[in-house]
Amino acid sequence: MRAAVWNTRAALLYSLGGWTMLGAMIHYSRTSGGDIAGGGQPENESDPQAQQGPHHEVFVTDTAFGLRVTTTVTYREVQPPITRLLRRVKSFFYPNDVPPSEN
């Protein structure tokens, strides 16, 4: 009986934490202008590096059966909202002279 009560309390605590994190992510992405798709304007429009598109790397691997596997990796400068949030939290605990977006 005690284990069932404890399990219920633990499940409620974990679900509360999960919904809180999800709500914080949604709130942060909406209030800070975060853009998951990456279609937003760069912060500094005169910066030539901010005007560049995504960086692509192509890896070609030949298998033993004569098949060729091509893997394309695309790097984008746009960070997901959760990454920006975690970097801001980290900069709160480890302050330095760099703005939170560059940590």
PDB file of N, CA and C in Angstrom:
ATOM      1  N   MET A   1       0.820  -1.190   0.000  1.00  0.00           N
ATOM      2  CA  MET A   1       0.000   0.000   0.000  1.00  0.00           C
ATOM      3  C   MET A   1       0.867   1.260   0.000  1.00  0.00           C
ATOM      4  N   ARG A   2       1.907   1.250   0.835  1.00  0.00           N
ATOM      5  CA  ARG A   2       2.779   2.412   0.892  1.00  0.00           C
ATOM      6  C   ARG A   2       3.534   2.621  -0.423  1.00  0.00           C
ATOM      7  N   ALA A   3       3.909   1.519  -1.069  1.00  0.00           N
ATOM      8  CA  ALA A   3       4.632   1.633  -2.341  1.00  0.00           C
ATOM      9  C   ALA A   3       3.745   2.256  -3.418  1.00  0.00           C
ATOM     10  N   ALA A   4       2.476   1.915  -3.423  1.00  0.00           N
ATOM     11  CA  ALA A   4       1.555   2.472  -4.420  1.00  0.00           C
ATOM     12  C   ALA A   4       1.390   3.974  -4.210  1.00  0.00           C
ATOM     13  N   VAL A   5       1.301   4.395  -2.967  1.00  0.00           N
ATOM     14  CA  VAL A   5       1.172   5.823  -2.673  1.00  0.00           C
ATOM     15  C   VAL A   5       2.445   6.551  -3.090  1.00  0.00           C
ATOM     16  N   TRP A   6       3.594   5.954  -2.774  1.00  0.00           N
ATOM     17  CA  TRP A   6       4.863   6.574  -3.135  1.00  0.00           C
ATOM     18  C   TRP A   6       4.999   6.669  -4.656  1.00  0.00           C
ATOM     19  N   ASN A   7       4.643   5.594  -5.367  1.00  0.00           N
ATOM     20  CA  ASN A   7       4.714   5.602  -6.835  1.00  0.00           C
ATOM     21  C   ASN A   7       3.794   6.657  -7.419  1.00  0.00           C
ATOM     22  N   THR A   8       2.617   6.836  -6.846  1.00  0.00           N
ATOM     23  CA  THR A   8       1.682   7.848  -7.336  1.00  0.00           C
ATOM     24  C   THR A   8       2.255   9.243  -7.141  1.00  0.00           C
ATOM     25  N   ARG A   9       2.832   9.492  -5.977  1.00  0.00           N
ATOM     26  CA  ARG A   9       3.427  10.798  -5.720  1.00  0.00           C
ATOM     27  C   ARG A   9       4.607  11.063  -6.654  1.00  0.00           C
ATOM     28  N   ALA A  10       5.444  10.057  -6.873  1.00  0.00           N
ATOM     29  CA  ALA A  10       6.588  10.222  -7.774  1.00  0.00           C
ATOM     30  C   ALA A  10       6.120  10.486  -9.206  1.00  0.00           C
ATOM     31  N   ALA A  11       5.084   9.788  -9.648  1.00  0.00           N
ATOM     32  CA  ALA A  11       4.564   9.996 -10.997  1.00  0.00           C
ATOM     33  C   ALA A  11       4.000  11.404 -11.145  1.00  0.00           C
ATOM     34  N   LEU A  12       3.313  11.898 -10.131  1.00  0.00           N
ATOM     35  CA  LEU A  12       2.788  13.263 -10.185  1.00  0.00           C
ATOM     36  C   LEU A  12       3.919  14.284 -10.220  1.00  0.00           C
ATOM     37  N   LEU A  13       4.951  14.047  -9.443  1.00  0.00           N
ATOM     38  CA  LEU A  13       6.085  14.966  -9.424  1.00  0.00           C
ATOM     39  C   LEU A  13       6.783  15.006 -10.793  1.00  0.00           C
ATOM     40  N   TYR A  14       7.037  13.848 -11.377  1.00  0.00           N
ATOM     41  CA  TYR A  14       7.683  13.801 -12.687  1.00  0.00           C
ATOM     42  C   TYR A  14       6.801  14.414 -13.774  1.00  0.00           C
ATOM     43  N   SER A  15       5.500  14.163 -13.729  1.00  0.00           N
ATOM     44  CA  SER A  15       4.627  14.748 -14.748  1.00  0.00           C
ATOM     45  C   SER A  15       4.552  16.258 -14.589  1.00  0.00           C
ATOM     46  N   LEU A  16       4.537  16.756 -13.364  1.00  0.00           N
ATOM     47  CA  LEU A  16       4.543  18.197 -13.134  1.00  0.00           C
ATOM     48  C   LEU A  16       5.825  18.815 -13.690  1.00  0.00           C
ATOM     49  N   GLY A  17       6.949  18.179 -13.451  1.00  0.00           N
ATOM     50  CA  GLY A  17       8.219  18.684 -13.982  1.00  0.00           C
ATOM     51  C   GLY A  17       8.266  18.664 -15.496  1.00  0.00           C
ATOM     52  N   GLY A  18       7.754  17.610 -16.087  1.00  0.00           N
ATOM     53  CA  GLY A  18       7.734  17.515 -17.552  1.00  0.00           C
ATOM     54  C   GLY A  18       6.863  18.575 -18.188  1.00  0.00           C
ATOM     55  N   TRP A  19       5.665  18.781 -17.658  1.00  0.00           N
ATOM     56  CA  TRP A  19       4.767  19.801 -18.200  1.00  0.00           C
ATOM     57  C   TRP A  19       5.320  21.200 -17.966  1.00  0.00           C
ATOM     58  N   THR A  20       6.001  21.387 -16.826  1.00  0.00           N
ATOM     59  CA  THR A  20       6.609  22.689 -16.559  1.00  0.00           C
ATOM     60  C   THR A  20       7.704  22.989 -17.577  1.00  0.00           C
ATOM     61  N   MET A  21       8.551  22.005 -17.868  1.00  0.00           N
ATOM     62  CA  MET A  21       9.621  22.194 -18.848  1.00  0.00           C
ATOM     63  C   MET A  21       9.038  22.452 -20.234  1.00  0.00           C
ATOM     64  N   LEU A  22       8.023  21.714 -20.613  1.00  0.00           N
ATOM     65  CA  LEU A  22       7.393  21.920 -21.916  1.00  0.00           C
ATOM     66  C   LEU A  22       6.776  23.319 -22.006  1.00  0.00           C
ATOM     67  N   GLY A  23       6.085  23.737 -20.952  1.00  0.00           N
ATOM     68  CA  GLY A  23       5.497  25.072 -20.943  1.00  0.00           C
ATOM     69  C   GLY A  23       6.551  26.164 -21.003  1.00  0.00           C
ATOM     70  N   ALA A  24       7.683  25.966 -20.293  1.00  0.00           N
ATOM     71  CA  ALA A  24       8.762  26.947 -20.323  1.00  0.00           C
ATOM     72  C   ALA A  24       9.373  27.041 -21.717  1.00  0.00           C
ATOM     73  N   MET A  25       9.545  25.906 -22.383  1.00  0.00           N
ATOM     74  CA  MET A  25      10.101  25.918 -23.741  1.00  0.00           C
ATOM     75  C   MET A  25       9.173  26.669 -24.693  1.00  0.00           C
ATOM     76  N   ILE A  26       7.882  26.415 -24.605  1.00  0.00           N
ATOM     77  CA  ILE A  26       6.927  27.093 -25.486  1.00  0.00           C
ATOM     78  C   ILE A  26       6.907  28.586 -25.182  1.00  0.00           C
ATOM     79  N   HIS A  27       6.866  28.930 -23.903  1.00  0.00           N
ATOM     80  CA  HIS A  27       6.849  30.345 -23.520  1.00  0.00           C
ATOM     81  C   HIS A  27       8.118  31.051 -23.982  1.00  0.00           C
ATOM     82  N   TYR A  28       9.263  30.418 -23.776  1.00  0.00           N
ATOM     83  CA  TYR A  28      10.532  31.031 -24.157  1.00  0.00           C
ATOM     84  C   TYR A  28      10.626  31.208 -25.668  1.00  0.00           C
ATOM     85  N   SER A  29      10.178  30.214 -26.429  1.00  0.00           N
ATOM     86  CA  SER A  29      10.276  30.332 -27.885  1.00  0.00           C
ATOM     87  C   SER A  29       9.342  31.417 -28.419  1.00  0.00           C
ATOM     88  N   ARG A  30       8.221  31.651 -27.757  1.00  0.00           N
ATOM     89  CA  ARG A  30       7.289  32.681 -28.223  1.00  0.00           C
ATOM     90  C   ARG A  30       7.695  34.074 -27.782  1.00  0.00           C
ATOM     91  N   THR A  31       8.201  34.231 -26.568  1.00  0.00           N
ATOM     92  CA  THR A  31       8.518  35.565 -26.067  1.00  0.00           C
ATOM     93  C   THR A  31       9.853  36.079 -26.571  1.00  0.00           C
ATOM     94  N   SER A  32      10.808  35.200 -26.841  1.00  0.00           N
ATOM     95  CA  SER A  32      12.118  35.666 -27.291  1.00  0.00           C
ATOM     96  C   SER A  32      12.213  35.714 -28.808  1.00  0.00           C
ATOM     97  N   GLY A  33      11.155  35.400 -29.484  1.00  0.00           N
ATOM     98  CA  GLY A  33      11.195  35.403 -30.945  1.00  0.00           C
ATOM     99  C   GLY A  33      11.934  34.202 -31.487  1.00  0.00           C
ATOM    100  N   GLY A  34      12.071  33.149 -30.685  1.00  0.00           N
ATOM    101  CA  GLY A  34      12.759  31.940 -31.125  1.00  0.00           C
ATOM    102  C   GLY A  34      12.036  31.320 -32.295  1.00  0.00           C
ATOM    103  N   ASP A  35      12.804  30.814 -33.234  1.00  0.00           N
ATOM    104  CA  ASP A  35      12.227  30.270 -34.450  1.00  0.00           C
ATOM    105  C   ASP A  35      12.794  28.885 -34.674  1.00  0.00           C
ATOM    106  N   ILE A  36      11.969  27.866 -34.524  1.00  0.00           N
ATOM    107  CA  ILE A  36      12.446  26.495 -34.678  1.00  0.00           C
ATOM    108  C   ILE A  36      12.801  26.206 -36.135  1.00  0.00           C
ATOM    109  N   ALA A  37      12.020  26.715 -37.070  1.00  0.00           N
ATOM    110  CA  ALA A  37      12.254  26.423 -38.484  1.00  0.00           C
ATOM    111  C   ALA A  37      13.460  27.161 -39.043  1.00  0.00           C
ATOM    112  N   GLY A  38      13.907  28.200 -38.378  1.00  0.00           N
ATOM    113  CA  GLY A  38      15.091  28.921 -38.851  1.00  0.00           C
ATOM    114  C   GLY A  38      14.794  29.943 -39.918  1.00  0.00           C
ATOM    115  N   GLY A  39      13.563  30.369 -40.071  1.00  0.00           N
ATOM    116  CA  GLY A  39      13.219  31.325 -41.107  1.00  0.00           C
ATOM    117  C   GLY A  39      13.240  32.765 -40.640  1.00  0.00           C
ATOM    118  N   GLY A  40      13.693  33.019 -39.422  1.00  0.00           N
ATOM    119  CA  GLY A  40      13.688  34.377 -38.888  1.00  0.00           C
ATOM    120  C   GLY A  40      14.826  35.207 -39.438  1.00  0.00           C
ATOM    121  N   GLN A  41      14.803  36.497 -39.129  1.00  0.00           N
ATOM    122  CA  GLN A  41      15.844  37.414 -39.559  1.00  0.00           C
ATOM    123  C   GLN A  41      17.063  37.273 -38.657  1.00  0.00           C
ATOM    124  N   PRO A  42      18.262  37.446 -39.196  1.00  0.00           N
ATOM    125  CA  PRO A  42      19.439  37.404 -38.340  1.00  0.00           C
ATOM    126  C   PRO A  42      19.457  38.606 -37.404  1.00  0.00           C
ATOM    127  N   GLU A  43      20.167  38.461 -36.265  1.00  0.00           N
ATOM    128  CA  GLU A  43      20.203  39.541 -35.288  1.00  0.00           C
ATOM    129  C   GLU A  43      20.899  40.775 -35.854  1.00  0.00           C
ATOM    130  N   ASN A  44      21.971  40.590 -36.602  1.00  0.00           N
ATOM    131  CA  ASN A  44      22.715  41.697 -37.170  1.00  0.00           C
ATOM    132  C   ASN A  44      22.693  41.535 -38.680  1.00  0.00           C
ATOM    133  N   GLU A  45      21.887  42.319 -39.370  1.00  0.00           N
ATOM    134  CA  GLU A  45      21.704  42.138 -40.815  1.00  0.00           C
ATOM    135  C   GLU A  45      22.911  42.588 -41.620  1.00  0.00           C
ATOM    136  N   SER A  46      23.781  43.430 -41.047  1.00  0.00           N
ATOM    137  CA  SER A  46      24.945  43.893 -41.783  1.00  0.00           C
ATOM    138  C   SER A  46      26.130  42.942 -41.643  1.00  0.00           C
ATOM    139  N   ASP A  47      26.016  41.930 -40.808  1.00  0.00           N
ATOM    140  CA  ASP A  47      27.100  40.971 -40.605  1.00  0.00           C
ATOM    141  C   ASP A  47      27.127  39.975 -41.767  1.00  0.00           C
ATOM    142  N   PRO A  48      28.250  39.880 -42.515  1.00  0.00           N
ATOM    143  CA  PRO A  48      28.270  38.952 -43.661  1.00  0.00           C
ATOM    144  C   PRO A  48      28.185  37.490 -43.244  1.00  0.00           C
ATOM    145  N   GLN A  49      28.679  37.149 -42.056  1.00  0.00           N
ATOM    146  CA  GLN A  49      28.584  35.763 -41.614  1.00  0.00           C
ATOM    147  C   GLN A  49      27.145  35.384 -41.278  1.00  0.00           C
ATOM    148  N   ALA A  50      26.353  36.361 -40.841  1.00  0.00           N
ATOM    149  CA  ALA A  50      24.961  36.077 -40.523  1.00  0.00           C
ATOM    150  C   ALA A  50      24.135  35.876 -41.792  1.00  0.00           C
ATOM    151  N   GLN A  51      24.612  36.377 -42.922  1.00  0.00           N
ATOM    152  CA  GLN A  51      23.891  36.254 -44.185  1.00  0.00           C
ATOM    153  C   GLN A  51      24.154  34.922 -44.887  1.00  0.00           C
ATOM    154  N   GLN A  52      25.136  34.175 -44.407  1.00  0.00           N
ATOM    155  CA  GLN A  52      25.465  32.912 -45.066  1.00  0.00           C
ATOM    156  C   GLN A  52      24.385  31.880 -44.793  1.00  0.00           C
ATOM    157  N   GLY A  53      24.207  30.985 -45.743  1.00  0.00           N
ATOM    158  CA  GLY A  53      23.240  29.910 -45.585  1.00  0.00           C
ATOM    159  C   GLY A  53      23.835  28.770 -44.776  1.00  0.00           C
ATOM    160  N   PRO A  54      23.125  27.661 -44.724  1.00  0.00           N
ATOM    161  CA  PRO A  54      23.632  26.510 -43.973  1.00  0.00           C
ATOM    162  C   PRO A  54      24.877  25.913 -44.626  1.00  0.00           C
ATOM    163  N   HIS A  55      25.715  25.318 -43.812  1.00  0.00           N
ATOM    164  CA  HIS A  55      26.956  24.687 -44.268  1.00  0.00           C
ATOM    165  C   HIS A  55      26.689  23.198 -44.461  1.00  0.00           C
ATOM    166  N   HIS A  56      27.060  22.663 -45.635  1.00  0.00           N
ATOM    167  CA  HIS A  56      26.815  21.253 -45.948  1.00  0.00           C
ATOM    168  C   HIS A  56      28.134  20.486 -45.999  1.00  0.00           C
ATOM    169  N   GLU A  57      28.099  19.270 -45.463  1.00  0.00           N
ATOM    170  CA  GLU A  57      29.219  18.339 -45.620  1.00  0.00           C
ATOM    171  C   GLU A  57      28.648  17.055 -46.199  1.00  0.00           C
ATOM    172  N   VAL A  58      29.333  16.509 -47.203  1.00  0.00           N
ATOM    173  CA  VAL A  58      28.881  15.295 -47.862  1.00  0.00           C
ATOM    174  C   VAL A  58      29.916  14.207 -47.625  1.00  0.00           C
ATOM    175  N   PHE A  59      29.456  13.071 -47.107  1.00  0.00           N
ATOM    176  CA  PHE A  59      30.314  11.914 -46.879  1.00  0.00           C
ATOM    177  C   PHE A  59      29.850  10.788 -47.779  1.00  0.00           C
ATOM    178  N   VAL A  60      30.774  10.211 -48.540  1.00  0.00           N
ATOM    179  CA  VAL A  60      30.461   9.108 -49.442  1.00  0.00           C
ATOM    180  C   VAL A  60      31.203   7.872 -48.958  1.00  0.00           C
ATOM    181  N   THR A  61      30.463   6.778 -48.743  1.00  0.00           N
ATOM    182  CA  THR A  61      31.046   5.535 -48.256  1.00  0.00           C
ATOM    183  C   THR A  61      30.692   4.418 -49.224  1.00  0.00           C
ATOM    184  N   ASP A  62      31.694   3.640 -49.633  1.00  0.00           N
ATOM    185  CA  ASP A  62      31.462   2.474 -50.478  1.00  0.00           C
ATOM    186  C   ASP A  62      31.391   1.234 -49.600  1.00  0.00           C
ATOM    187  N   THR A  63      30.353   0.427 -49.777  1.00  0.00           N
ATOM    188  CA  THR A  63      30.190  -0.782 -48.988  1.00  0.00           C
ATOM    189  C   THR A  63      30.832  -1.961 -49.710  1.00  0.00           C
ATOM    190  N   ALA A  64      30.836  -3.090 -49.048  1.00  0.00           N
ATOM    191  CA  ALA A  64      31.479  -4.287 -49.603  1.00  0.00           C
ATOM    192  C   ALA A  64      30.733  -4.843 -50.815  1.00  0.00           C
ATOM    193  N   PHE A  65      29.454  -4.578 -50.944  1.00  0.00           N
ATOM    194  CA  PHE A  65      28.662  -5.135 -52.034  1.00  0.00           C
ATOM    195  C   PHE A  65      28.569  -4.198 -53.224  1.00  0.00           C
ATOM    196  N   GLY A  66      29.407  -3.183 -53.280  1.00  0.00           N
ATOM    197  CA  GLY A  66      29.402  -2.262 -54.396  1.00  0.00           C
ATOM    198  C   GLY A  66      28.367  -1.155 -54.279  1.00  0.00           C
ATOM    199  N   LEU A  67      27.750  -1.030 -53.139  1.00  0.00           N
ATOM    200  CA  LEU A  67      26.770   0.032 -52.936  1.00  0.00           C
ATOM    201  C   LEU A  67      27.480   1.286 -52.438  1.00  0.00           C
ATOM    202  N   ARG A  68      26.962   2.419 -52.828  1.00  0.00           N
ATOM    203  CA  ARG A  68      27.530   3.689 -52.398  1.00  0.00           C
ATOM    204  C   ARG A  68      26.499   4.408 -51.525  1.00  0.00           C
ATOM    205  N   VAL A  69      26.918   4.768 -50.325  1.00  0.00           N
ATOM    206  CA  VAL A  69      26.049   5.462 -49.377  1.00  0.00           C
ATOM    207  C   VAL A  69      26.525   6.903 -49.281  1.00  0.00           C
ATOM    208  N   THR A  70      25.622   7.838 -49.539  1.00  0.00           N
ATOM    209  CA  THR A  70      25.943   9.259 -49.454  1.00  0.00           C
ATOM    210  C   THR A  70      25.193   9.855 -48.267  1.00  0.00           C
ATOM    211  N   THR A  71      25.934  10.474 -47.365  1.00  0.00           N
ATOM    212  CA  THR A  71      25.351  11.116 -46.197  1.00  0.00           C
ATOM    213  C   THR A  71      25.635  12.602 -46.274  1.00  0.00           C
ATOM    214  N   THR A  72      24.588  13.414 -46.195  1.00  0.00           N
ATOM    215  CA  THR A  72      24.731  14.865 -46.209  1.00  0.00           C
ATOM    216  C   THR A  72      24.383  15.397 -44.830  1.00  0.00           C
ATOM    217  N   VAL A  73      25.331  16.119 -44.220  1.00  0.00           N
ATOM    218  CA  VAL A  73      25.125  16.737 -42.919  1.00  0.00           C
ATOM    219  C   VAL A  73      25.001  18.234 -43.134  1.00  0.00           C
ATOM    220  N   THR A  74      23.922  18.819 -42.636  1.00  0.00           N
ATOM    221  CA  THR A  74      23.679  20.247 -42.779  1.00  0.00           C
ATOM    222  C   THR A  74      23.812  20.912 -41.422  1.00  0.00           C
ATOM    223  N   TYR A  75      24.714  21.895 -41.340  1.00  0.00           N
ATOM    224  CA  TYR A  75      24.904  22.656 -40.113  1.00  0.00           C
ATOM    225  C   TYR A  75      24.241  24.013 -40.287  1.00  0.00           C
ATOM    226  N   ARG A  76      23.428  24.392 -39.337  1.00  0.00           N
ATOM    227  CA  ARG A  76      22.770  25.691 -39.370  1.00  0.00           C
ATOM    228  C   ARG A  76      23.209  26.490 -38.159  1.00  0.00           C
ATOM    229  N   GLU A  77      23.224  27.791 -38.319  1.00  0.00           N
ATOM    230  CA  GLU A  77      23.609  28.667 -37.219  1.00  0.00           C
ATOM    231  C   GLU A  77      22.443  28.931 -36.263  1.00  0.00           C
ATOM    232  N   VAL A  78      21.231  28.585 -36.678  1.00  0.00           N
ATOM    233  CA  VAL A  78      20.070  28.819 -35.844  1.00  0.00           C
ATOM    234  C   VAL A  78      20.029  27.743 -34.764  1.00  0.00           C
ATOM    235  N   GLN A  79      19.909  28.166 -33.524  1.00  0.00           N
ATOM    236  CA  GLN A  79      19.863  27.231 -32.412  1.00  0.00           C
ATOM    237  C   GLN A  79      18.418  26.993 -32.010  1.00  0.00           C
ATOM    238  N   PRO A  80      18.091  25.775 -31.623  1.00  0.00           N
ATOM    239  CA  PRO A  80      16.737  25.541 -31.133  1.00  0.00           C
ATOM    240  C   PRO A  80      16.505  26.302 -29.829  1.00  0.00           C
ATOM    241  N   PRO A  81      15.255  26.635 -29.518  1.00  0.00           N
ATOM    242  CA  PRO A  81      14.984  27.420 -28.316  1.00  0.00           C
ATOM    243  C   PRO A  81      15.511  26.784 -27.036  1.00  0.00           C
ATOM    244  N   ILE A  82      15.484  25.462 -26.943  1.00  0.00           N
ATOM    245  CA  ILE A  82      15.941  24.820 -25.711  1.00  0.00           C
ATOM    246  C   ILE A  82      17.443  25.021 -25.527  1.00  0.00           C
ATOM    247  N   THR A  83      18.203  25.051 -26.616  1.00  0.00           N
ATOM    248  CA  THR A  83      19.642  25.281 -26.516  1.00  0.00           C
ATOM    249  C   THR A  83      19.921  26.687 -26.019  1.00  0.00           C
ATOM    250  N   ARG A  84      19.203  27.661 -26.561  1.00  0.00           N
ATOM    251  CA  ARG A  84      19.381  29.038 -26.088  1.00  0.00           C
ATOM    252  C   ARG A  84      19.006  29.166 -24.621  1.00  0.00           C
ATOM    253  N   LEU A  85      17.926  28.489 -24.216  1.00  0.00           N
ATOM    254  CA  LEU A  85      17.496  28.540 -22.820  1.00  0.00           C
ATOM    255  C   LEU A  85      18.555  27.933 -21.910  1.00  0.00           C
ATOM    256  N   LEU A  86      19.083  26.775 -22.280  1.00  0.00           N
ATOM    257  CA  LEU A  86      20.096  26.116 -21.452  1.00  0.00           C
ATOM    258  C   LEU A  86      21.377  26.933 -21.390  1.00  0.00           C
ATOM    259  N   ARG A  87      21.751  27.588 -22.477  1.00  0.00           N
ATOM    260  CA  ARG A  87      22.944  28.428 -22.450  1.00  0.00           C
ATOM    261  C   ARG A  87      22.752  29.654 -21.580  1.00  0.00           C
ATOM    262  N   ARG A  88      21.551  30.211 -21.565  1.00  0.00           N
ATOM    263  CA  ARG A  88      21.284  31.342 -20.671  1.00  0.00           C
ATOM    264  C   ARG A  88      21.343  30.905 -19.214  1.00  0.00           C
ATOM    265  N   VAL A  89      20.804  29.738 -18.909  1.00  0.00           N
ATOM    266  CA  VAL A  89      20.862  29.229 -17.540  1.00  0.00           C
ATOM    267  C   VAL A  89      22.311  28.977 -17.146  1.00  0.00           C
ATOM    268  N   LYS A  90      23.089  28.397 -18.057  1.00  0.00           N
ATOM    269  CA  LYS A  90      24.506  28.141 -17.772  1.00  0.00           C
ATOM    270  C   LYS A  90      25.259  29.440 -17.542  1.00  0.00           C
ATOM    271  N   SER A  91      24.943  30.475 -18.313  1.00  0.00           N
ATOM    272  CA  SER A  91      25.642  31.741 -18.147  1.00  0.00           C
ATOM    273  C   SER A  91      25.268  32.416 -16.827  1.00  0.00           C
ATOM    274  N   PHE A  92      24.122  32.071 -16.264  1.00  0.00           N
ATOM    275  CA  PHE A  92      23.750  32.602 -14.960  1.00  0.00           C
ATOM    276  C   PHE A  92      24.649  32.025 -13.870  1.00  0.00           C
ATOM    277  N   PHE A  93      24.984  30.737 -13.988  1.00  0.00           N
ATOM    278  CA  PHE A  93      25.817  30.089 -12.982  1.00  0.00           C
ATOM    279  C   PHE A  93      27.306  30.305 -13.218  1.00  0.00           C
ATOM    280  N   TYR A  94      27.702  30.503 -14.470  1.00  0.00           N
ATOM    281  CA  TYR A  94      29.110  30.732 -14.808  1.00  0.00           C
ATOM    282  C   TYR A  94      29.215  32.054 -15.565  1.00  0.00           C
ATOM    283  N   PRO A  95      29.145  33.187 -14.868  1.00  0.00           N
ATOM    284  CA  PRO A  95      29.160  34.474 -15.571  1.00  0.00           C
ATOM    285  C   PRO A  95      30.523  34.786 -16.154  1.00  0.00           C
ATOM    286  N   ASN A  96      30.497  35.456 -17.281  1.00  0.00           N
ATOM    287  CA  ASN A  96      31.707  35.979 -17.906  1.00  0.00           C
ATOM    288  C   ASN A  96      31.311  37.205 -18.720  1.00  0.00           C
ATOM    289  N   ASP A  97      32.226  37.740 -19.492  1.00  0.00           N
ATOM    290  CA  ASP A  97      31.949  38.980 -20.217  1.00  0.00           C
ATOM    291  C   ASP A  97      31.253  38.765 -21.548  1.00  0.00           C
ATOM    292  N   VAL A  98      31.026  37.522 -21.951  1.00  0.00           N
ATOM    293  CA  VAL A  98      30.428  37.220 -23.245  1.00  0.00           C
ATOM    294  C   VAL A  98      28.905  37.208 -23.083  1.00  0.00           C
ATOM    295  N   PRO A  99      28.153  37.752 -24.043  1.00  0.00           N
ATOM    296  CA  PRO A  99      26.682  37.681 -23.964  1.00  0.00           C
ATOM    297  C   PRO A  99      26.227  36.233 -23.924  1.00  0.00           C
ATOM    298  N   PRO A 100      25.056  35.945 -23.323  1.00  0.00           N
ATOM    299  CA  PRO A 100      24.586  34.564 -23.178  1.00  0.00           C
ATOM    300  C   PRO A 100      24.431  33.835 -24.512  1.00  0.00           C
ATOM    301  N   SER A 101      24.141  34.540 -25.598  1.00  0.00           N
ATOM    302  CA  SER A 101      23.930  33.866 -26.867  1.00  0.00           C
ATOM    303  C   SER A 101      25.229  33.333 -27.468  1.00  0.00           C
ATOM    304  N   GLU A 102      26.375  33.789 -26.980  1.00  0.00           N
ATOM    305  CA  GLU A 102      27.647  33.355 -27.546  1.00  0.00           C
ATOM    306  C   GLU A 102      28.369  32.352 -26.654  1.00  0.00           C
ATOM    307  N   ASN A 103      27.787  31.931 -25.557  1.00  0.00           N
ATOM    308  CA  ASN A 103      28.446  30.972 -24.655  1.00  0.00           C
ATOM    309  C   ASN A 103      28.429  29.597 -25.226  1.00  0.00           C
TER     310      ASN A 103
END
